[in-house]
Amino acid sequence: MRYSYKTHDTCATMIAFDYDNGIVTNVVFTGGCQGNLLAIPKLIDGWKAEQIIEKLEGNPCGRRPTSCADQLAKAIKEAAARETAPQAQEA
């Protein structure tokens, strides 16, 4: 599934990615620092959601309590919850 997430308190304004059975691919950031935000997707493409969250969650940016990387971790958590939500309702 293609997933879009509006970021909060970062230079990037949106993150989009494909999420399929816990695997994240095709991450695209809108706005932000192009050097970092072009590199992150290349580094994590095809990783499991848990791996990405473990590495990126909680990373701050300067004096901000969050970062584009942290926002990506939040977006992936949200996508994972949505993917499993229908299954949880059936149980």
C-alpha atoms as a PDB file:
ATOM      1  CA  MET A   1       0.000   0.000   0.000  1.00  0.00           C
ATOM      2  CA  ARG A   2       1.215   3.517  -0.719  1.00  0.00           C
ATOM      3  CA  TYR A   3       1.186   5.567   2.445  1.00  0.00           C
ATOM      4  CA  SER A   4       1.476   9.360   2.919  1.00  0.00           C
ATOM      5  CA  TYR A   5       2.224  11.088   6.200  1.00  0.00           C
ATOM      6  CA  LYS A   6       2.118  14.819   6.961  1.00  0.00           C
ATOM      7  CA  THR A   7       5.145  15.614   9.088  1.00  0.00           C
ATOM      8  CA  HIS A   8       5.165  17.802  12.186  1.00  0.00           C
ATOM      9  CA  ASP A   9       7.863  20.285  13.287  1.00  0.00           C
ATOM     10  CA  THR A  10      10.293  19.447  10.456  1.00  0.00           C
ATOM     11  CA  CYS A  11      11.467  21.128   7.254  1.00  0.00           C
ATOM     12  CA  ALA A  12      10.076  18.264   5.208  1.00  0.00           C
ATOM     13  CA  THR A  13       6.303  18.585   4.914  1.00  0.00           C
ATOM     14  CA  MET A  14       5.319  15.116   3.714  1.00  0.00           C
ATOM     15  CA  ILE A  15       6.677  11.568   3.549  1.00  0.00           C
ATOM     16  CA  ALA A  16       5.331   8.940   1.163  1.00  0.00           C
ATOM     17  CA  PHE A  17       6.366   5.288   0.945  1.00  0.00           C
ATOM     18  CA  ASP A  18       5.201   1.820   0.036  1.00  0.00           C
ATOM     19  CA  TYR A  19       4.431  -0.520   2.942  1.00  0.00           C
ATOM     20  CA  ASP A  20       3.824  -4.173   2.232  1.00  0.00           C
ATOM     21  CA  ASN A  21       3.862  -6.923   4.873  1.00  0.00           C
ATOM     22  CA  GLY A  22       6.185  -4.947   7.107  1.00  0.00           C
ATOM     23  CA  ILE A  23       8.643  -3.970   4.359  1.00  0.00           C
ATOM     24  CA  VAL A  24       9.228  -0.309   3.461  1.00  0.00           C
ATOM     25  CA  THR A  25      10.238   0.787  -0.047  1.00  0.00           C
ATOM     26  CA  ASN A  26      10.149   3.843  -2.313  1.00  0.00           C
ATOM     27  CA  VAL A  27      10.423   6.481   0.436  1.00  0.00           C
ATOM     28  CA  VAL A  28      10.057  10.058  -0.824  1.00  0.00           C
ATOM     29  CA  PHE A  29      10.335  13.194   1.325  1.00  0.00           C
ATOM     30  CA  THR A  30       8.770  16.481   0.214  1.00  0.00           C
ATOM     31  CA  GLY A  31      10.859  19.479   1.265  1.00  0.00           C
ATOM     32  CA  GLY A  32      13.688  19.367   3.775  1.00  0.00           C
ATOM     33  CA  CYS A  33      17.444  18.918   3.405  1.00  0.00           C
ATOM     34  CA  GLN A  34      17.918  17.177   0.086  1.00  0.00           C
ATOM     35  CA  GLY A  35      21.291  15.595   0.958  1.00  0.00           C
ATOM     36  CA  ASN A  36      19.952  13.723   3.963  1.00  0.00           C
ATOM     37  CA  LEU A  37      16.502  13.095   2.577  1.00  0.00           C
ATOM     38  CA  LEU A  38      17.796  11.562  -0.628  1.00  0.00           C
ATOM     39  CA  ALA A  39      20.263   9.391   1.309  1.00  0.00           C
ATOM     40  CA  ILE A  40      17.888   7.960   3.933  1.00  0.00           C
ATOM     41  CA  PRO A  41      15.573   6.286   1.389  1.00  0.00           C
ATOM     42  CA  LYS A  42      18.536   4.709  -0.405  1.00  0.00           C
ATOM     43  CA  LEU A  43      19.902   3.319   2.851  1.00  0.00           C
ATOM     44  CA  ILE A  44      16.657   1.819   4.160  1.00  0.00           C
ATOM     45  CA  ASP A  45      14.928   0.665   0.965  1.00  0.00           C
ATOM     46  CA  GLY A  46      13.617  -2.864   1.489  1.00  0.00           C
ATOM     47  CA  TRP A  47      14.186  -2.881   5.254  1.00  0.00           C
ATOM     48  CA  LYS A  48      11.665  -4.260   7.711  1.00  0.00           C
ATOM     49  CA  ALA A  49       9.602  -1.637   9.505  1.00  0.00           C
ATOM     50  CA  GLU A  50      10.954  -2.699  12.904  1.00  0.00           C
ATOM     51  CA  GLN A  51      14.551  -2.165  11.761  1.00  0.00           C
ATOM     52  CA  ILE A  52      13.817   1.341  10.522  1.00  0.00           C
ATOM     53  CA  ILE A  53      11.930   2.309  13.664  1.00  0.00           C
ATOM     54  CA  GLU A  54      14.734   0.962  15.854  1.00  0.00           C
ATOM     55  CA  LYS A  55      17.366   3.028  14.026  1.00  0.00           C
ATOM     56  CA  LEU A  56      15.476   6.281  13.402  1.00  0.00           C
ATOM     57  CA  GLU A  57      12.949   6.762  16.202  1.00  0.00           C
ATOM     58  CA  GLY A  58      13.835   9.519  18.648  1.00  0.00           C
ATOM     59  CA  ASN A  59      16.526  11.207  16.530  1.00  0.00           C
ATOM     60  CA  PRO A  60      16.268  14.978  17.089  1.00  0.00           C
ATOM     61  CA  CYS A  61      17.246  17.735  14.648  1.00  0.00           C
ATOM     62  CA  GLY A  62      19.141  20.587  16.248  1.00  0.00           C
ATOM     63  CA  ARG A  63      16.982  21.958  19.043  1.00  0.00           C
ATOM     64  CA  ARG A  64      13.827  20.337  17.717  1.00  0.00           C
ATOM     65  CA  PRO A  65      12.547  17.297  19.599  1.00  0.00           C
ATOM     66  CA  THR A  66      11.964  15.473  16.303  1.00  0.00           C
ATOM     67  CA  SER A  67      13.579  15.131  12.876  1.00  0.00           C
ATOM     68  CA  CYS A  68      12.662  13.932   9.413  1.00  0.00           C
ATOM     69  CA  ALA A  69      14.104  10.536  10.351  1.00  0.00           C
ATOM     70  CA  ASP A  70      12.029  10.439  13.548  1.00  0.00           C
ATOM     71  CA  GLN A  71       8.941  11.472  11.584  1.00  0.00           C
ATOM     72  CA  LEU A  72       9.579   8.609   9.160  1.00  0.00           C
ATOM     73  CA  ALA A  73       9.646   6.196  12.104  1.00  0.00           C
ATOM     74  CA  LYS A  74       6.316   7.627  13.308  1.00  0.00           C
ATOM     75  CA  ALA A  75       4.839   7.318   9.818  1.00  0.00           C
ATOM     76  CA  ILE A  76       5.928   3.696   9.563  1.00  0.00           C
ATOM     77  CA  LYS A  77       4.402   2.901  12.961  1.00  0.00           C
ATOM     78  CA  GLU A  78       1.139   4.431  11.783  1.00  0.00           C
ATOM     79  CA  ALA A  79       1.222   2.469   8.514  1.00  0.00           C
ATOM     80  CA  ALA A  80       1.881  -0.747  10.419  1.00  0.00           C
ATOM     81  CA  ALA A  81      -1.068  -0.074  12.719  1.00  0.00           C
ATOM     82  CA  ARG A  82      -3.343   0.538   9.739  1.00  0.00           C
ATOM     83  CA  GLU A  83      -2.165  -2.619   8.002  1.00  0.00           C
ATOM     84  CA  THR A  84      -2.959  -4.768  11.037  1.00  0.00           C
ATOM     85  CA  ALA A  85      -6.158  -2.943  12.064  1.00  0.00           C
ATOM     86  CA  PRO A  86      -8.558  -4.908   9.815  1.00  0.00           C
ATOM     87  CA  GLN A  87      -7.095  -8.192  11.041  1.00  0.00           C
ATOM     88  CA  ALA A  88      -7.519  -7.157  14.668  1.00  0.00           C
ATOM     89  CA  GLN A  89     -11.178  -6.292  14.073  1.00  0.00           C
ATOM     90  CA  GLU A  90     -11.884  -9.739  12.587  1.00  0.00           C
ATOM     91  CA  ALA A  91     -10.507 -11.571  15.624  1.00  0.00           C
END
